[in-house]
Amino acid sequence: MDHGTSLETATFPGKVRLGWKIYEHVPENITELMLEFLYLTWRKGQIPKIWKTDLIIPIPKPGKRTLGYRL
């Protein structure tokens, strides 16, 4: 259990925009359920469809044209 909760200040907001700090306030039993779900996903090799999507938010450099952004 410690391996899943011993990360320093890693962030992973994803589409739901939740940073790592919020998980410090989640009750231990919920953390255990979340980690068990992640381990089960890893063992079965089945990735939930929602995990395969992403939202890209471009951050333009200061002074650069924002219209020049390409994927």
N, C-alpha and C. Protein backbone atom coordinates (compact mmCIF):
# COMPACT_ATOMS: atom_id res chain seq x y z
N MET A 1 0.82 -1.19 0.00
CA MET A 1 0.00 0.00 0.00
C MET A 1 0.86 1.26 0.00
N ASP A 2 2.00 1.22 0.66
CA ASP A 2 2.84 2.40 0.74
C ASP A 2 3.37 2.84 -0.62
N HIS A 3 3.55 1.89 -1.55
CA HIS A 3 4.08 2.25 -2.86
C HIS A 3 3.14 3.19 -3.59
N GLY A 4 1.85 2.98 -3.44
CA GLY A 4 0.88 3.80 -4.14
C GLY A 4 0.66 5.16 -3.51
N THR A 5 1.06 5.33 -2.28
CA THR A 5 0.82 6.60 -1.59
C THR A 5 2.10 7.32 -1.22
N SER A 6 3.24 6.84 -1.66
CA SER A 6 4.51 7.45 -1.25
C SER A 6 5.09 8.39 -2.30
N LEU A 7 4.33 8.72 -3.32
CA LEU A 7 4.82 9.64 -4.33
C LEU A 7 5.00 11.02 -3.73
N GLU A 8 6.00 11.72 -4.19
CA GLU A 8 6.29 13.04 -3.64
C GLU A 8 5.20 14.04 -4.03
N THR A 9 5.44 14.82 -5.06
CA THR A 9 4.47 15.84 -5.46
C THR A 9 4.01 15.62 -6.89
N ALA A 10 3.97 14.38 -7.32
CA ALA A 10 3.54 14.08 -8.69
C ALA A 10 2.12 14.58 -8.91
N THR A 11 1.85 15.01 -10.13
CA THR A 11 0.50 15.46 -10.46
C THR A 11 -0.01 14.68 -11.65
N PHE A 12 -1.29 14.51 -11.70
CA PHE A 12 -1.92 13.83 -12.83
C PHE A 12 -3.37 14.31 -12.94
N PRO A 13 -3.58 15.56 -13.36
CA PRO A 13 -4.93 16.08 -13.36
C PRO A 13 -5.89 15.39 -14.32
N GLY A 14 -5.45 15.03 -15.52
CA GLY A 14 -6.34 14.37 -16.46
C GLY A 14 -7.58 15.20 -16.76
N LYS A 15 -8.60 14.56 -17.30
CA LYS A 15 -9.82 15.27 -17.67
C LYS A 15 -10.61 15.76 -16.47
N VAL A 16 -10.50 15.08 -15.35
CA VAL A 16 -11.27 15.48 -14.18
C VAL A 16 -10.59 16.59 -13.39
N ARG A 17 -9.37 16.96 -13.78
CA ARG A 17 -8.64 18.09 -13.21
C ARG A 17 -8.36 17.93 -11.72
N LEU A 18 -8.10 16.71 -11.27
CA LEU A 18 -7.75 16.48 -9.87
C LEU A 18 -6.25 16.33 -9.74
N GLY A 19 -5.65 17.13 -8.90
CA GLY A 19 -4.22 17.01 -8.66
C GLY A 19 -3.93 15.99 -7.58
N TRP A 20 -2.67 15.71 -7.37
CA TRP A 20 -2.25 14.69 -6.42
C TRP A 20 -2.65 15.05 -4.99
N LYS A 21 -2.61 16.31 -4.63
CA LYS A 21 -2.86 16.73 -3.25
C LYS A 21 -4.23 16.30 -2.73
N ILE A 22 -5.23 16.23 -3.59
CA ILE A 22 -6.57 15.85 -3.14
C ILE A 22 -6.59 14.43 -2.58
N TYR A 23 -5.71 13.57 -3.08
CA TYR A 23 -5.69 12.18 -2.63
C TYR A 23 -5.11 12.03 -1.23
N GLU A 24 -4.46 13.06 -0.72
CA GLU A 24 -3.98 13.03 0.66
C GLU A 24 -5.15 13.07 1.64
N HIS A 25 -6.30 13.54 1.19
CA HIS A 25 -7.46 13.70 2.06
C HIS A 25 -8.49 12.59 1.89
N VAL A 26 -8.21 11.64 1.02
CA VAL A 26 -9.12 10.52 0.79
C VAL A 26 -8.94 9.50 1.91
N PRO A 27 -10.03 8.98 2.47
CA PRO A 27 -9.91 7.98 3.53
C PRO A 27 -9.12 6.75 3.07
N GLU A 28 -8.43 6.13 4.00
CA GLU A 28 -7.55 4.98 3.70
C GLU A 28 -8.29 3.87 2.96
N ASN A 29 -9.52 3.56 3.36
CA ASN A 29 -10.24 2.46 2.71
C ASN A 29 -10.54 2.77 1.24
N ILE A 30 -10.78 4.04 0.92
CA ILE A 30 -11.03 4.43 -0.47
C ILE A 30 -9.72 4.33 -1.26
N THR A 31 -8.63 4.74 -0.65
CA THR A 31 -7.32 4.63 -1.30
C THR A 31 -7.01 3.17 -1.62
N GLU A 32 -7.30 2.28 -0.69
CA GLU A 32 -7.07 0.85 -0.91
C GLU A 32 -7.91 0.33 -2.08
N LEU A 33 -9.17 0.75 -2.15
CA LEU A 33 -10.04 0.34 -3.26
C LEU A 33 -9.52 0.86 -4.60
N MET A 34 -9.06 2.11 -4.61
CA MET A 34 -8.53 2.69 -5.84
C MET A 34 -7.29 1.93 -6.31
N LEU A 35 -6.39 1.64 -5.37
CA LEU A 35 -5.17 0.91 -5.73
C LEU A 35 -5.48 -0.50 -6.18
N GLU A 36 -6.43 -1.16 -5.54
CA GLU A 36 -6.82 -2.51 -5.95
C GLU A 36 -7.38 -2.49 -7.38
N PHE A 37 -8.15 -1.47 -7.70
CA PHE A 37 -8.67 -1.33 -9.06
C PHE A 37 -7.52 -1.14 -10.06
N LEU A 38 -6.55 -0.32 -9.71
CA LEU A 38 -5.40 -0.12 -10.59
C LEU A 38 -4.61 -1.40 -10.78
N TYR A 39 -4.38 -2.14 -9.69
CA TYR A 39 -3.65 -3.40 -9.78
C TYR A 39 -4.41 -4.42 -10.62
N LEU A 40 -5.73 -4.49 -10.47
CA LEU A 40 -6.56 -5.40 -11.25
C LEU A 40 -6.48 -5.05 -12.74
N THR A 41 -6.54 -3.77 -13.03
CA THR A 41 -6.42 -3.31 -14.42
C THR A 41 -5.07 -3.73 -14.99
N TRP A 42 -4.02 -3.58 -14.21
CA TRP A 42 -2.67 -3.96 -14.64
C TRP A 42 -2.58 -5.46 -14.90
N ARG A 43 -3.10 -6.26 -13.97
CA ARG A 43 -3.03 -7.72 -14.11
C ARG A 43 -3.82 -8.23 -15.30
N LYS A 44 -5.00 -7.69 -15.52
CA LYS A 44 -5.85 -8.15 -16.62
C LYS A 44 -5.40 -7.57 -17.97
N GLY A 45 -4.67 -6.47 -17.93
CA GLY A 45 -4.22 -5.85 -19.17
C GLY A 45 -5.35 -5.17 -19.93
N GLN A 46 -6.42 -4.83 -19.24
CA GLN A 46 -7.55 -4.15 -19.87
C GLN A 46 -7.61 -2.71 -19.35
N ILE A 47 -7.46 -1.79 -20.26
CA ILE A 47 -7.47 -0.38 -19.91
C ILE A 47 -8.88 0.19 -20.14
N PRO A 48 -9.46 0.85 -19.15
CA PRO A 48 -10.77 1.48 -19.37
C PRO A 48 -10.71 2.48 -20.52
N LYS A 49 -11.75 2.53 -21.31
CA LYS A 49 -11.78 3.38 -22.50
C LYS A 49 -11.51 4.85 -22.16
N ILE A 50 -12.05 5.32 -21.05
CA ILE A 50 -11.87 6.72 -20.66
C ILE A 50 -10.40 7.07 -20.43
N TRP A 51 -9.58 6.08 -20.05
CA TRP A 51 -8.16 6.33 -19.82
C TRP A 51 -7.41 6.54 -21.13
N LYS A 52 -8.02 6.21 -22.24
CA LYS A 52 -7.35 6.34 -23.53
C LYS A 52 -7.67 7.67 -24.20
N THR A 53 -8.38 8.54 -23.52
CA THR A 53 -8.69 9.85 -24.06
C THR A 53 -7.91 10.90 -23.29
N ASP A 54 -7.75 12.05 -23.90
CA ASP A 54 -7.01 13.11 -23.25
C ASP A 54 -7.50 14.45 -23.77
N LEU A 55 -7.21 15.48 -23.05
CA LEU A 55 -7.54 16.84 -23.42
C LEU A 55 -6.22 17.61 -23.47
N ILE A 56 -5.92 18.17 -24.62
CA ILE A 56 -4.68 18.91 -24.79
C ILE A 56 -4.99 20.40 -24.70
N ILE A 57 -4.31 21.07 -23.78
CA ILE A 57 -4.47 22.51 -23.62
C ILE A 57 -3.13 23.16 -23.97
N PRO A 58 -3.04 23.81 -25.13
CA PRO A 58 -1.77 24.43 -25.52
C PRO A 58 -1.45 25.64 -24.63
N ILE A 59 -0.18 25.77 -24.31
CA ILE A 59 0.29 26.91 -23.53
C ILE A 59 1.29 27.65 -24.42
N PRO A 60 0.85 28.75 -25.05
CA PRO A 60 1.74 29.46 -25.97
C PRO A 60 2.88 30.16 -25.23
N LYS A 61 3.99 30.26 -25.91
CA LYS A 61 5.13 30.98 -25.35
C LYS A 61 4.82 32.48 -25.39
N PRO A 62 5.32 33.23 -24.42
CA PRO A 62 5.08 34.67 -24.42
C PRO A 62 5.61 35.31 -25.71
N GLY A 63 4.80 36.16 -26.31
CA GLY A 63 5.21 36.86 -27.52
C GLY A 63 5.00 36.08 -28.80
N LYS A 64 4.58 34.82 -28.72
CA LYS A 64 4.35 34.01 -29.92
C LYS A 64 2.88 34.10 -30.33
N ARG A 65 2.64 33.94 -31.62
CA ARG A 65 1.27 33.95 -32.13
C ARG A 65 0.55 32.67 -31.69
N THR A 66 -0.65 32.80 -31.17
CA THR A 66 -1.40 31.62 -30.75
C THR A 66 -2.04 30.91 -31.93
N LEU A 67 -2.15 31.56 -33.07
CA LEU A 67 -2.76 30.93 -34.24
C LEU A 67 -1.81 29.94 -34.91
N GLY A 68 -0.55 29.96 -34.58
CA GLY A 68 0.42 29.07 -35.20
C GLY A 68 0.51 27.69 -34.56
N TYR A 69 -0.40 27.38 -33.66
CA TYR A 69 -0.35 26.10 -32.95
C TYR A 69 -0.84 24.97 -33.84
N ARG A 70 -0.09 23.84 -33.87
CA ARG A 70 -0.47 22.66 -34.65
C ARG A 70 -0.35 21.43 -33.77
N LEU A 71 -1.17 20.44 -34.07
CA LEU A 71 -1.05 19.14 -33.40
C LEU A 71 -0.12 18.26 -34.18
